[in-house]
Amino acid sequence: NANGLHDPDHYTTAYDMALITQYALGVEGFRKYWYAEEYTIQPTNKQSQARNLGTQHSMFVESQFTYEGCTGGKLGYTDEARHTSVTTAKRGDLELICVTMSSQKYEKYEDTAALFDYCFDSFDRVTLSKRSLKGFVIPVLDGDVQVQEVRIYPDNSIDLELHRQYSVDDLNLEYQVPETYRYGEDVLPSLQITLKGESSSMYGNLGSFPLQFSLNDTPQQKVDAATGLPVKDNSIFWKNLLHILKWVAIICAVVVIAFFLLVVSVRVRHYLYRKRRKKRRVKHPVTAGTQLTQRQRPVHIYVQPNEPDRRPHTKRRTSDTGKRRR
């Protein structure tokens, strides 16, 4: 607990302390005090003199237990809990946190150094890229109607420390993602990573990693509450069919109206033409042997004189009585 006093109802695990330390290391300014060999408390309204405090952690100060690469630590002690420690060390880009509990005064340093050596020598970092991880689109239901969808995806790649006898193929990825969400329900997707089978060289549960999500509104659609799959709605088919028939009817009506106007236009033109023709007949009556034209044009008549008959004249033979012989 925070006050450091023993409480029989208070329990803390090494994993709890490791998680607390991991979070604290990410707080800006924390490492300044985490790795400080000494710290000066300035005068206060209760104490007029400055006070110097020094660490008793022997792994990052000059001592027989100094550990190369140690980046800080914190010790603790109660009669019941005995000696406890939290220590960090770094090699290359790998930083480890080691927690010991119920130890002896100097054995905690020896145990911590042995655990650091084992991990640095036996573990390698592997990365699960964003591309290798799955994404999901989950419907959000209000009753049996889909009103939204949740897009779930990994925000970043995931780095893991694996014992050298294992590879990415030995990992089991379990996505904590339901098939559907109910409207108003909390969305907490995650990815649980474990080792396949039992392991004596490392802890099999590698952790739970939160997944990112975004909510999108969708057209309301009926879905099956059990499977989350869209339900075929025949009303949509009939709506589409009625929509098509409506446009067909409109086009047919336009064609009929256009044809009717064309017929009326032709008949009106014929009527006006006959009316004009009748007026012209009344104004210019037609006599026998005369033809009227729309425009009177002058007509030139050429008469060619008959050529004289140049055949030889012959006299008809007649009888004495003046009659032709038969």
C-alpha atoms as a PDB file:
ATOM      1  CA  ASN A   1       0.000   0.000   0.000  1.00  0.00           C
ATOM      2  CA  ALA A   2       0.959   3.645  -0.347  1.00  0.00           C
ATOM      3  CA  ASN A   3       1.945   4.176   3.306  1.00  0.00           C
ATOM      4  CA  GLY A   4       4.365   1.232   3.388  1.00  0.00           C
ATOM      5  CA  LEU A   5       2.805  -0.250   6.513  1.00  0.00           C
ATOM      6  CA  HIS A   6       1.881  -3.903   6.737  1.00  0.00           C
ATOM      7  CA  ASP A   7      -1.760  -4.868   6.274  1.00  0.00           C
ATOM      8  CA  PRO A   8      -2.848  -8.540   6.410  1.00  0.00           C
ATOM      9  CA  ASP A   9      -5.633  -7.800   3.902  1.00  0.00           C
ATOM     10  CA  HIS A  10      -3.285  -6.167   1.403  1.00  0.00           C
ATOM     11  CA  TYR A  11      -1.836  -8.289  -1.409  1.00  0.00           C
ATOM     12  CA  THR A  12       0.472  -7.200  -4.206  1.00  0.00           C
ATOM     13  CA  THR A  13       2.059  -9.406  -6.855  1.00  0.00           C
ATOM     14  CA  ALA A  14       5.342  -8.964  -8.672  1.00  0.00           C
ATOM     15  CA  TYR A  15       3.344  -8.505 -11.886  1.00  0.00           C
ATOM     16  CA  ASP A  16       1.375  -5.651 -10.276  1.00  0.00           C
ATOM     17  CA  MET A  17       4.593  -3.855  -9.340  1.00  0.00           C
ATOM     18  CA  ALA A  18       6.033  -4.401 -12.827  1.00  0.00           C
ATOM     19  CA  LEU A  19       2.941  -2.859 -14.446  1.00  0.00           C
ATOM     20  CA  ILE A  20       3.023   0.132 -12.075  1.00  0.00           C
ATOM     21  CA  THR A  21       6.709   0.669 -12.847  1.00  0.00           C
ATOM     22  CA  GLN A  22       6.141   0.327 -16.594  1.00  0.00           C
ATOM     23  CA  TYR A  23       3.520   3.076 -16.475  1.00  0.00           C
ATOM     24  CA  ALA A  24       5.648   5.327 -14.235  1.00  0.00           C
ATOM     25  CA  LEU A  25       8.621   5.112 -16.608  1.00  0.00           C
ATOM     26  CA  GLY A  26       6.463   6.738 -19.281  1.00  0.00           C
ATOM     27  CA  VAL A  27       5.654   9.747 -17.083  1.00  0.00           C
ATOM     28  CA  GLU A  28       7.708  12.785 -18.040  1.00  0.00           C
ATOM     29  CA  GLY A  29      10.371  13.572 -15.423  1.00  0.00           C
ATOM     30  CA  PHE A  30      10.012  10.294 -13.523  1.00  0.00           C
ATOM     31  CA  ARG A  31      13.336   8.824 -14.658  1.00  0.00           C
ATOM     32  CA  LYS A  32      15.192  11.816 -13.228  1.00  0.00           C
ATOM     33  CA  TYR A  33      14.295  10.618  -9.734  1.00  0.00           C
ATOM     34  CA  TRP A  34      14.247   6.910 -10.582  1.00  0.00           C
ATOM     35  CA  TYR A  35      17.954   6.903 -11.395  1.00  0.00           C
ATOM     36  CA  ALA A  36      19.053   9.577  -8.890  1.00  0.00           C
ATOM     37  CA  GLU A  37      21.780   8.471  -6.473  1.00  0.00           C
ATOM     38  CA  GLU A  38      20.830  11.291  -4.136  1.00  0.00           C
ATOM     39  CA  TYR A  39      18.268  14.038  -3.864  1.00  0.00           C
ATOM     40  CA  THR A  40      18.223  17.289  -1.911  1.00  0.00           C
ATOM     41  CA  ILE A  41      15.005  18.315  -0.189  1.00  0.00           C
ATOM     42  CA  GLN A  42      14.847  22.080  -0.063  1.00  0.00           C
ATOM     43  CA  PRO A  43      13.850  23.947   3.133  1.00  0.00           C
ATOM     44  CA  THR A  44      10.138  24.038   3.914  1.00  0.00           C
ATOM     45  CA  ASN A  45       7.888  25.772   6.447  1.00  0.00           C
ATOM     46  CA  LYS A  46       8.514  22.795   8.750  1.00  0.00           C
ATOM     47  CA  GLN A  47      12.235  22.363   8.148  1.00  0.00           C
ATOM     48  CA  SER A  48      14.574  25.287   7.706  1.00  0.00           C
ATOM     49  CA  GLN A  49      17.575  23.196   6.640  1.00  0.00           C
ATOM     50  CA  ALA A  50      18.083  21.436   3.309  1.00  0.00           C
ATOM     51  CA  ARG A  51      18.264  17.651   3.582  1.00  0.00           C
ATOM     52  CA  ASN A  52      20.220  15.249   1.388  1.00  0.00           C
ATOM     53  CA  LEU A  53      18.802  11.787   0.742  1.00  0.00           C
ATOM     54  CA  GLY A  54      20.765   8.982  -0.927  1.00  0.00           C
ATOM     55  CA  THR A  55      19.615   5.714  -2.485  1.00  0.00           C
ATOM     56  CA  GLN A  56      20.405   2.409  -0.855  1.00  0.00           C
ATOM     57  CA  HIS A  57      19.986   0.478  -4.108  1.00  0.00           C
ATOM     58  CA  SER A  58      23.393  -1.021  -4.795  1.00  0.00           C
ATOM     59  CA  MET A  59      22.935  -2.029  -8.436  1.00  0.00           C
ATOM     60  CA  PHE A  60      23.338   1.442 -10.002  1.00  0.00           C
ATOM     61  CA  VAL A  61      25.830   2.943  -7.543  1.00  0.00           C
ATOM     62  CA  GLU A  62      29.456   1.976  -7.078  1.00  0.00           C
ATOM     63  CA  SER A  63      29.380  -1.312  -5.153  1.00  0.00           C
ATOM     64  CA  GLN A  64      30.052  -5.030  -5.462  1.00  0.00           C
ATOM     65  CA  PHE A  65      26.517  -5.433  -6.861  1.00  0.00           C
ATOM     66  CA  THR A  66      26.757  -2.779  -9.566  1.00  0.00           C
ATOM     67  CA  TYR A  67      25.057  -4.040 -12.738  1.00  0.00           C
ATOM     68  CA  GLU A  68      26.055  -2.696 -16.128  1.00  0.00           C
ATOM     69  CA  GLY A  69      23.080  -1.155 -17.878  1.00  0.00           C
ATOM     70  CA  CYS A  70      21.005  -0.640 -14.706  1.00  0.00           C
ATOM     71  CA  THR A  71      18.725   2.388 -15.217  1.00  0.00           C
ATOM     72  CA  GLY A  72      17.251   2.743 -11.718  1.00  0.00           C
ATOM     73  CA  GLY A  73      15.368   1.003  -8.966  1.00  0.00           C
ATOM     74  CA  LYS A  74      13.478   1.163  -5.673  1.00  0.00           C
ATOM     75  CA  LEU A  75      13.817  -0.902  -2.502  1.00  0.00           C
ATOM     76  CA  GLY A  76      11.300  -1.793   0.185  1.00  0.00           C
ATOM     77  CA  TYR A  77      11.216  -3.607   3.503  1.00  0.00           C
ATOM     78  CA  THR A  78       8.799  -4.665   6.234  1.00  0.00           C
ATOM     79  CA  ASP A  79       9.224  -7.378   8.831  1.00  0.00           C
ATOM     80  CA  GLU A  80       6.450  -9.400   7.214  1.00  0.00           C
ATOM     81  CA  ALA A  81       7.239  -8.801   3.517  1.00  0.00           C
ATOM     82  CA  ARG A  82      11.013  -8.875   4.010  1.00  0.00           C
ATOM     83  CA  HIS A  83      13.237  -7.289   1.371  1.00  0.00           C
ATOM     84  CA  THR A  84      11.604  -6.246  -1.913  1.00  0.00           C
ATOM     85  CA  SER A  85      12.994  -4.482  -4.965  1.00  0.00           C
ATOM     86  CA  VAL A  86      12.033  -3.178  -8.388  1.00  0.00           C
ATOM     87  CA  THR A  87      14.949  -2.681 -10.792  1.00  0.00           C
ATOM     88  CA  THR A  88      15.290  -1.754 -14.465  1.00  0.00           C
ATOM     89  CA  ALA A  89      18.151  -2.422 -16.889  1.00  0.00           C
ATOM     90  CA  LYS A  90      18.691  -1.798 -20.591  1.00  0.00           C
ATOM     91  CA  ARG A  91      20.793  -3.335 -23.355  1.00  0.00           C
ATOM     92  CA  GLY A  92      20.476  -1.985 -26.853  1.00  0.00           C
ATOM     93  CA  ASP A  93      16.806  -1.167 -27.425  1.00  0.00           C
ATOM     94  CA  LEU A  94      15.554  -3.730 -24.884  1.00  0.00           C
ATOM     95  CA  GLU A  95      14.723  -2.569 -21.344  1.00  0.00           C
ATOM     96  CA  LEU A  96      13.635  -5.048 -18.663  1.00  0.00           C
ATOM     97  CA  ILE A  97      11.850  -4.696 -15.323  1.00  0.00           C
ATOM     98  CA  CYS A  98      12.703  -7.174 -12.554  1.00  0.00           C
ATOM     99  CA  VAL A  99      10.727  -7.490  -9.297  1.00  0.00           C
ATOM    100  CA  THR A 100      11.804  -9.513  -6.252  1.00  0.00           C
ATOM    101  CA  MET A 101       9.791 -10.122  -3.085  1.00  0.00           C
ATOM    102  CA  SER A 102      10.407 -11.768   0.282  1.00  0.00           C
ATOM    103  CA  SER A 103      14.164 -11.801  -0.291  1.00  0.00           C
ATOM    104  CA  GLN A 104      17.186 -11.483   1.942  1.00  0.00           C
ATOM    105  CA  LYS A 105      19.177  -8.260   2.131  1.00  0.00           C
ATOM    106  CA  TYR A 106      21.774  -9.111  -0.539  1.00  0.00           C
ATOM    107  CA  GLU A 107      20.127 -12.040  -2.269  1.00  0.00           C
ATOM    108  CA  LYS A 108      17.696  -9.656  -3.986  1.00  0.00           C
ATOM    109  CA  TYR A 109      20.624  -8.216  -5.960  1.00  0.00           C
ATOM    110  CA  GLU A 110      21.945 -11.640  -6.896  1.00  0.00           C
ATOM    111  CA  ASP A 111      18.501 -12.851  -7.997  1.00  0.00           C
ATOM    112  CA  THR A 112      17.883  -9.676  -9.983  1.00  0.00           C
ATOM    113  CA  ALA A 113      21.250  -9.904 -11.783  1.00  0.00           C
ATOM    114  CA  ALA A 114      20.668 -13.591 -12.614  1.00  0.00           C
ATOM    115  CA  LEU A 115      17.207 -12.866 -14.054  1.00  0.00           C
ATOM    116  CA  PHE A 116      18.547  -9.959 -16.120  1.00  0.00           C
ATOM    117  CA  ASP A 117      21.356 -12.095 -17.561  1.00  0.00           C
ATOM    118  CA  TYR A 118      18.967 -14.915 -18.436  1.00  0.00           C
ATOM    119  CA  CYS A 119      16.503 -12.631 -20.217  1.00  0.00           C
ATOM    120  CA  PHE A 120      19.073 -10.582 -22.127  1.00  0.00           C
ATOM    121  CA  ASP A 121      20.820 -13.760 -23.318  1.00  0.00           C
ATOM    122  CA  SER A 122      17.715 -15.840 -24.103  1.00  0.00           C
ATOM    123  CA  PHE A 123      15.056 -13.475 -25.470  1.00  0.00           C
ATOM    124  CA  ASP A 124      14.711 -11.614 -28.753  1.00  0.00           C
ATOM    125  CA  ARG A 125      12.224  -9.003 -29.844  1.00  0.00           C
ATOM    126  CA  VAL A 126       9.655  -9.899 -32.486  1.00  0.00           C
ATOM    127  CA  THR A 127       7.191  -7.519 -34.088  1.00  0.00           C
ATOM    128  CA  LEU A 128       3.636  -8.139 -35.215  1.00  0.00           C
ATOM    129  CA  SER A 129       3.049  -5.570 -37.937  1.00  0.00           C
ATOM    130  CA  LYS A 130      -0.267  -3.811 -38.405  1.00  0.00           C
ATOM    131  CA  ARG A 131      -0.622  -5.509 -41.780  1.00  0.00           C
ATOM    132  CA  SER A 132      -0.388  -8.971 -40.205  1.00  0.00           C
ATOM    133  CA  LEU A 133      -3.184  -8.220 -37.708  1.00  0.00           C
ATOM    134  CA  LYS A 134      -6.874  -8.465 -38.504  1.00  0.00           C
ATOM    135  CA  GLY A 135      -9.463  -5.741 -38.763  1.00  0.00           C
ATOM    136  CA  PHE A 136     -13.210  -6.076 -38.270  1.00  0.00           C
ATOM    137  CA  VAL A 137     -16.435  -4.304 -39.184  1.00  0.00           C
ATOM    138  CA  ILE A 138     -19.088  -5.127 -36.573  1.00  0.00           C
ATOM    139  CA  PRO A 139     -22.777  -4.104 -36.908  1.00  0.00           C
ATOM    140  CA  VAL A 140     -24.456  -2.126 -34.111  1.00  0.00           C
ATOM    141  CA  LEU A 141     -28.069  -3.172 -33.606  1.00  0.00           C
ATOM    142  CA  ASP A 142     -31.028  -1.333 -32.163  1.00  0.00           C
ATOM    143  CA  GLY A 143     -33.495  -4.191 -31.849  1.00  0.00           C
ATOM    144  CA  ASP A 144     -33.164  -6.048 -35.146  1.00  0.00           C
ATOM    145  CA  VAL A 145     -32.193  -2.969 -37.158  1.00  0.00           C
ATOM    146  CA  GLN A 146     -28.582  -2.053 -37.868  1.00  0.00           C
ATOM    147  CA  VAL A 147     -28.079   1.628 -37.042  1.00  0.00           C
ATOM    148  CA  GLN A 148     -24.266   1.855 -36.952  1.00  0.00           C
ATOM    149  CA  GLU A 149     -21.139  -0.134 -37.575  1.00  0.00           C
ATOM    150  CA  VAL A 150     -17.918  -0.378 -35.574  1.00  0.00           C
ATOM    151  CA  ARG A 151     -14.673  -0.485 -37.510  1.00  0.00           C
ATOM    152  CA  ILE A 152     -12.032  -2.239 -35.376  1.00  0.00           C
ATOM    153  CA  TYR A 153      -8.349  -2.166 -36.291  1.00  0.00           C
ATOM    154  CA  PRO A 154      -4.850  -2.295 -34.728  1.00  0.00           C
ATOM    155  CA  ASP A 155      -3.462   1.175 -34.110  1.00  0.00           C
ATOM    156  CA  ASN A 156       0.216   0.201 -34.105  1.00  0.00           C
ATOM    157  CA  SER A 157       2.508  -2.749 -34.509  1.00  0.00           C
ATOM    158  CA  ILE A 158       2.991  -4.927 -31.409  1.00  0.00           C
ATOM    159  CA  ASP A 159       6.465  -5.693 -30.035  1.00  0.00           C
ATOM    160  CA  LEU A 160       6.957  -8.865 -27.995  1.00  0.00           C
ATOM    161  CA  GLU A 161       9.917 -10.464 -26.244  1.00  0.00           C
ATOM    162  CA  LEU A 162      10.045 -14.162 -27.116  1.00  0.00           C
ATOM    163  CA  HIS A 163      12.375 -16.869 -25.920  1.00  0.00           C
ATOM    164  CA  ARG A 164      14.675 -17.878 -28.743  1.00  0.00           C
ATOM    165  CA  GLN A 165      13.111 -21.320 -28.966  1.00  0.00           C
ATOM    166  CA  TYR A 166       9.840 -19.687 -30.122  1.00  0.00           C
ATOM    167  CA  SER A 167       8.789 -17.714 -33.175  1.00  0.00           C
ATOM    168  CA  VAL A 168       5.730 -15.802 -34.325  1.00  0.00           C
ATOM    169  CA  ASP A 169       4.248 -19.086 -35.565  1.00  0.00           C
ATOM    170  CA  ASP A 170       4.072 -20.285 -31.942  1.00  0.00           C
ATOM    171  CA  LEU A 171       1.730 -17.464 -30.938  1.00  0.00           C
ATOM    172  CA  ASN A 172      -2.003 -17.763 -30.521  1.00  0.00           C
ATOM    173  CA  LEU A 173      -3.902 -14.556 -31.362  1.00  0.00           C
ATOM    174  CA  GLU A 174      -7.374 -14.352 -29.865  1.00  0.00           C
ATOM    175  CA  TYR A 175      -9.410 -11.316 -30.853  1.00  0.00           C
ATOM    176  CA  GLN A 176     -11.856 -10.224 -28.153  1.00  0.00           C
ATOM    177  CA  VAL A 177     -14.425  -8.942 -30.643  1.00  0.00           C
ATOM    178  CA  PRO A 178     -18.145  -9.867 -30.596  1.00  0.00           C
ATOM    179  CA  GLU A 179     -20.191 -10.618 -33.712  1.00  0.00           C
ATOM    180  CA  THR A 180     -22.557  -7.717 -32.967  1.00  0.00           C
ATOM    181  CA  TYR A 181     -22.848  -4.775 -30.610  1.00  0.00           C
ATOM    182  CA  ARG A 182     -26.031  -3.467 -29.057  1.00  0.00           C
ATOM    183  CA  TYR A 183     -26.765   0.235 -29.385  1.00  0.00           C
ATOM    184  CA  GLY A 184     -25.353   2.008 -26.300  1.00  0.00           C
ATOM    185  CA  GLU A 185     -23.078  -0.912 -25.346  1.00  0.00           C
ATOM    186  CA  ASP A 186     -19.440  -0.197 -24.417  1.00  0.00           C
ATOM    187  CA  VAL A 187     -16.963  -1.032 -27.161  1.00  0.00           C
ATOM    188  CA  LEU A 188     -13.777  -2.541 -25.696  1.00  0.00           C
ATOM    189  CA  PRO A 189     -12.080  -4.662 -28.370  1.00  0.00           C
ATOM    190  CA  SER A 190      -8.726  -6.243 -27.553  1.00  0.00           C
ATOM    191  CA  LEU A 191      -6.213  -8.828 -28.717  1.00  0.00           C
ATOM    192  CA  GLN A 192      -5.079 -11.548 -26.301  1.00  0.00           C
ATOM    193  CA  ILE A 193      -1.707 -13.113 -27.183  1.00  0.00           C
ATOM    194  CA  THR A 194      -0.582 -16.410 -25.668  1.00  0.00           C
ATOM    195  CA  LEU A 195       1.840 -19.202 -26.448  1.00  0.00           C
ATOM    196  CA  LYS A 196       0.531 -22.368 -28.022  1.00  0.00           C
ATOM    197  CA  GLY A 197       0.841 -25.143 -25.471  1.00  0.00           C
ATOM    198  CA  GLU A 198       2.777 -25.199 -22.190  1.00  0.00           C
ATOM    199  CA  SER A 199       6.165 -23.556 -21.705  1.00  0.00           C
ATOM    200  CA  SER A 200       8.813 -23.891 -18.987  1.00  0.00           C
ATOM    201  CA  SER A 201      11.085 -21.176 -20.365  1.00  0.00           C
ATOM    202  CA  MET A 202       8.704 -18.214 -20.293  1.00  0.00           C
ATOM    203  CA  TYR A 203       5.285 -17.117 -19.145  1.00  0.00           C
ATOM    204  CA  GLY A 204       2.661 -18.264 -21.631  1.00  0.00           C
ATOM    205  CA  ASN A 205       0.373 -15.221 -21.357  1.00  0.00           C
ATOM    206  CA  LEU A 206       2.043 -12.406 -23.298  1.00  0.00           C
ATOM    207  CA  GLY A 207      -0.651  -9.865 -22.547  1.00  0.00           C
ATOM    208  CA  SER A 208      -3.828  -8.208 -23.748  1.00  0.00           C
ATOM    209  CA  PHE A 209      -3.509  -5.361 -26.232  1.00  0.00           C
ATOM    210  CA  PRO A 210      -6.329  -2.870 -26.866  1.00  0.00           C
ATOM    211  CA  LEU A 211      -7.561  -2.364 -30.425  1.00  0.00           C
ATOM    212  CA  GLN A 212      -8.715   0.927 -31.859  1.00  0.00           C
ATOM    213  CA  PHE A 213     -12.232   1.480 -33.168  1.00  0.00           C
ATOM    214  CA  SER A 214     -14.394   4.071 -34.891  1.00  0.00           C
ATOM    215  CA  LEU A 215     -18.186   4.358 -35.100  1.00  0.00           C
ATOM    216  CA  ASN A 216     -19.874   5.021 -38.435  1.00  0.00           C
ATOM    217  CA  ASP A 217     -23.541   5.641 -39.138  1.00  0.00           C
ATOM    218  CA  THR A 218     -25.035   3.290 -41.733  1.00  0.00           C
ATOM    219  CA  PRO A 219     -28.330   3.143 -43.630  1.00  0.00           C
ATOM    220  CA  GLN A 220     -30.822   1.332 -41.447  1.00  0.00           C
ATOM    221  CA  GLN A 221     -30.981  -2.294 -42.491  1.00  0.00           C
ATOM    222  CA  LYS A 222     -32.699  -5.297 -41.003  1.00  0.00           C
ATOM    223  CA  VAL A 223     -30.288  -7.955 -39.739  1.00  0.00           C
ATOM    224  CA  ASP A 224     -30.544 -11.348 -38.092  1.00  0.00           C
ATOM    225  CA  ALA A 225     -30.103 -10.878 -34.341  1.00  0.00           C
ATOM    226  CA  ALA A 226     -28.404 -14.286 -33.997  1.00  0.00           C
ATOM    227  CA  THR A 227     -25.842 -14.074 -36.798  1.00  0.00           C
ATOM    228  CA  GLY A 228     -25.634 -10.343 -37.415  1.00  0.00           C
ATOM    229  CA  LEU A 229     -26.065 -10.940 -41.147  1.00  0.00           C
ATOM    230  CA  PRO A 230     -28.376  -8.772 -43.261  1.00  0.00           C
ATOM    231  CA  VAL A 231     -31.862 -10.204 -43.763  1.00  0.00           C
ATOM    232  CA  LYS A 232     -33.191 -10.285 -47.316  1.00  0.00           C
ATOM    233  CA  ASP A 233     -36.052  -7.801 -47.405  1.00  0.00           C
ATOM    234  CA  ASN A 234     -38.490  -8.363 -50.309  1.00  0.00           C
ATOM    235  CA  SER A 235     -39.979  -4.925 -49.774  1.00  0.00           C
ATOM    236  CA  ILE A 236     -36.807  -3.436 -51.229  1.00  0.00           C
ATOM    237  CA  PHE A 237     -37.351  -5.441 -54.444  1.00  0.00           C
ATOM    238  CA  TRP A 238     -40.919  -4.199 -54.779  1.00  0.00           C
ATOM    239  CA  LYS A 239     -39.849  -0.636 -54.047  1.00  0.00           C
ATOM    240  CA  ASN A 240     -37.260  -0.824 -56.810  1.00  0.00           C
ATOM    241  CA  LEU A 241     -39.770  -2.414 -59.200  1.00  0.00           C
ATOM    242  CA  LEU A 242     -42.355   0.297 -58.501  1.00  0.00           C
ATOM    243  CA  HIS A 243     -39.702   2.927 -59.047  1.00  0.00           C
ATOM    244  CA  ILE A 244     -38.840   1.447 -62.459  1.00  0.00           C
ATOM    245  CA  LEU A 245     -42.519   1.136 -63.443  1.00  0.00           C
ATOM    246  CA  LYS A 246     -43.110   4.738 -62.476  1.00  0.00           C
ATOM    247  CA  TRP A 247     -40.434   5.933 -64.872  1.00  0.00           C
ATOM    248  CA  VAL A 248     -41.717   3.634 -67.623  1.00  0.00           C
ATOM    249  CA  ALA A 249     -45.207   5.123 -67.184  1.00  0.00           C
ATOM    250  CA  ILE A 250     -43.817   8.656 -67.331  1.00  0.00           C
ATOM    251  CA  ILE A 251     -41.914   7.913 -70.550  1.00  0.00           C
ATOM    252  CA  CYS A 252     -44.995   6.306 -72.146  1.00  0.00           C
ATOM    253  CA  ALA A 253     -47.129   9.298 -71.177  1.00  0.00           C
ATOM    254  CA  VAL A 254     -44.621  11.685 -72.736  1.00  0.00           C
ATOM    255  CA  VAL A 255     -44.591   9.636 -75.961  1.00  0.00           C
ATOM    256  CA  VAL A 256     -48.424   9.578 -76.143  1.00  0.00           C
ATOM    257  CA  ILE A 257     -48.680  13.318 -75.532  1.00  0.00           C
ATOM    258  CA  ALA A 258     -46.028  14.026 -78.167  1.00  0.00           C
ATOM    259  CA  PHE A 259     -47.864  11.828 -80.698  1.00  0.00           C
ATOM    260  CA  PHE A 260     -51.188  13.553 -79.919  1.00  0.00           C
ATOM    261  CA  LEU A 261     -49.645  17.007 -80.387  1.00  0.00           C
ATOM    262  CA  LEU A 262     -48.121  15.876 -83.691  1.00  0.00           C
ATOM    263  CA  VAL A 263     -51.503  14.641 -84.975  1.00  0.00           C
ATOM    264  CA  VAL A 264     -53.230  17.864 -83.910  1.00  0.00           C
ATOM    265  CA  SER A 265     -50.510  19.942 -85.560  1.00  0.00           C
ATOM    266  CA  VAL A 266     -50.867  18.052 -88.870  1.00  0.00           C
ATOM    267  CA  ARG A 267     -54.647  18.388 -88.866  1.00  0.00           C
ATOM    268  CA  VAL A 268     -54.497  22.105 -88.100  1.00  0.00           C
ATOM    269  CA  ARG A 269     -52.088  22.635 -90.985  1.00  0.00           C
ATOM    270  CA  HIS A 270     -54.363  20.728 -93.359  1.00  0.00           C
ATOM    271  CA  TYR A 271     -57.366  22.714 -92.171  1.00  0.00           C
ATOM    272  CA  LEU A 272     -55.632  26.058 -92.711  1.00  0.00           C
ATOM    273  CA  TYR A 273     -54.431  24.957 -96.125  1.00  0.00           C
ATOM    274  CA  ARG A 274     -57.958  23.995 -97.250  1.00  0.00           C
ATOM    275  CA  LYS A 275     -59.306  27.269 -95.876  1.00  0.00           C
ATOM    276  CA  ARG A 276     -56.785  29.369 -97.822  1.00  0.00           C
ATOM    277  CA  ARG A 277     -57.497  27.375-100.979  1.00  0.00           C
ATOM    278  CA  LYS A 278     -61.221  27.954-100.647  1.00  0.00           C
ATOM    279  CA  LYS A 279     -60.695  31.699-100.292  1.00  0.00           C
ATOM    280  CA  ARG A 280     -58.606  31.795-103.459  1.00  0.00           C
ATOM    281  CA  ARG A 281     -61.327  29.981-105.408  1.00  0.00           C
ATOM    282  CA  VAL A 282     -63.948  32.515-104.354  1.00  0.00           C
ATOM    283  CA  LYS A 283     -61.713  35.433-105.297  1.00  0.00           C
ATOM    284  CA  HIS A 284     -60.651  34.001-108.695  1.00  0.00           C
ATOM    285  CA  PRO A 285     -63.452  31.851-110.197  1.00  0.00           C
ATOM    286  CA  VAL A 286     -62.432  29.213-112.681  1.00  0.00           C
ATOM    287  CA  THR A 287     -64.030  29.233-116.195  1.00  0.00           C
ATOM    288  CA  ALA A 288     -64.277  26.350-118.620  1.00  0.00           C
ATOM    289  CA  GLY A 289     -61.052  25.614-120.381  1.00  0.00           C
ATOM    290  CA  THR A 290     -59.043  27.753-117.957  1.00  0.00           C
ATOM    291  CA  GLN A 291     -56.519  26.511-115.504  1.00  0.00           C
ATOM    292  CA  LEU A 292     -55.396  28.560-112.517  1.00  0.00           C
ATOM    293  CA  THR A 293     -51.888  28.430-111.258  1.00  0.00           C
ATOM    294  CA  GLN A 294     -50.475  29.789-108.028  1.00  0.00           C
ATOM    295  CA  ARG A 295     -48.568  32.424-109.939  1.00  0.00           C
ATOM    296  CA  GLN A 296     -49.596  33.762-113.365  1.00  0.00           C
ATOM    297  CA  ARG A 297     -46.612  33.696-115.624  1.00  0.00           C
ATOM    298  CA  PRO A 298     -46.482  35.086-119.223  1.00  0.00           C
ATOM    299  CA  VAL A 299     -46.738  32.383-121.821  1.00  0.00           C
ATOM    300  CA  HIS A 300     -45.002  32.859-125.154  1.00  0.00           C
ATOM    301  CA  ILE A 301     -46.463  30.925-128.095  1.00  0.00           C
ATOM    302  CA  TYR A 302     -44.364  30.369-131.128  1.00  0.00           C
ATOM    303  CA  VAL A 303     -46.202  29.462-134.393  1.00  0.00           C
ATOM    304  CA  GLN A 304     -44.103  27.876-137.078  1.00  0.00           C
ATOM    305  CA  PRO A 305     -45.446  28.495-140.643  1.00  0.00           C
ATOM    306  CA  ASN A 306     -46.233  25.468-142.696  1.00  0.00           C
ATOM    307  CA  GLU A 307     -43.665  24.624-145.329  1.00  0.00           C
ATOM    308  CA  PRO A 308     -44.966  24.440-148.866  1.00  0.00           C
ATOM    309  CA  ASP A 309     -45.769  21.053-150.201  1.00  0.00           C
ATOM    310  CA  ARG A 310     -43.037  20.330-152.676  1.00  0.00           C
ATOM    311  CA  ARG A 311     -44.405  17.033-153.874  1.00  0.00           C
ATOM    312  CA  PRO A 312     -45.189  16.915-157.636  1.00  0.00           C
ATOM    313  CA  HIS A 313     -48.752  17.620-158.445  1.00  0.00           C
ATOM    314  CA  THR A 314     -50.563  14.861-160.265  1.00  0.00           C
ATOM    315  CA  LYS A 315     -53.823  15.034-161.966  1.00  0.00           C
ATOM    316  CA  ARG A 316     -56.474  12.608-161.180  1.00  0.00           C
ATOM    317  CA  ARG A 317     -57.695  10.590-164.029  1.00  0.00           C
ATOM    318  CA  THR A 318     -61.405  10.718-164.333  1.00  0.00           C
ATOM    319  CA  SER A 319     -63.872   9.304-166.754  1.00  0.00           C
ATOM    320  CA  ASP A 320     -65.733  11.323-169.114  1.00  0.00           C
ATOM    321  CA  THR A 321     -68.479  11.611-166.685  1.00  0.00           C
ATOM    322  CA  GLY A 322     -66.105  13.109-164.064  1.00  0.00           C
ATOM    323  CA  LYS A 323     -66.081  10.033-161.794  1.00  0.00           C
ATOM    324  CA  ARG A 324     -63.097   8.183-160.638  1.00  0.00           C
ATOM    325  CA  ARG A 325     -62.475   4.793-162.045  1.00  0.00           C
ATOM    326  CA  ARG A 326     -63.029   1.972-159.754  1.00  0.00           C
END
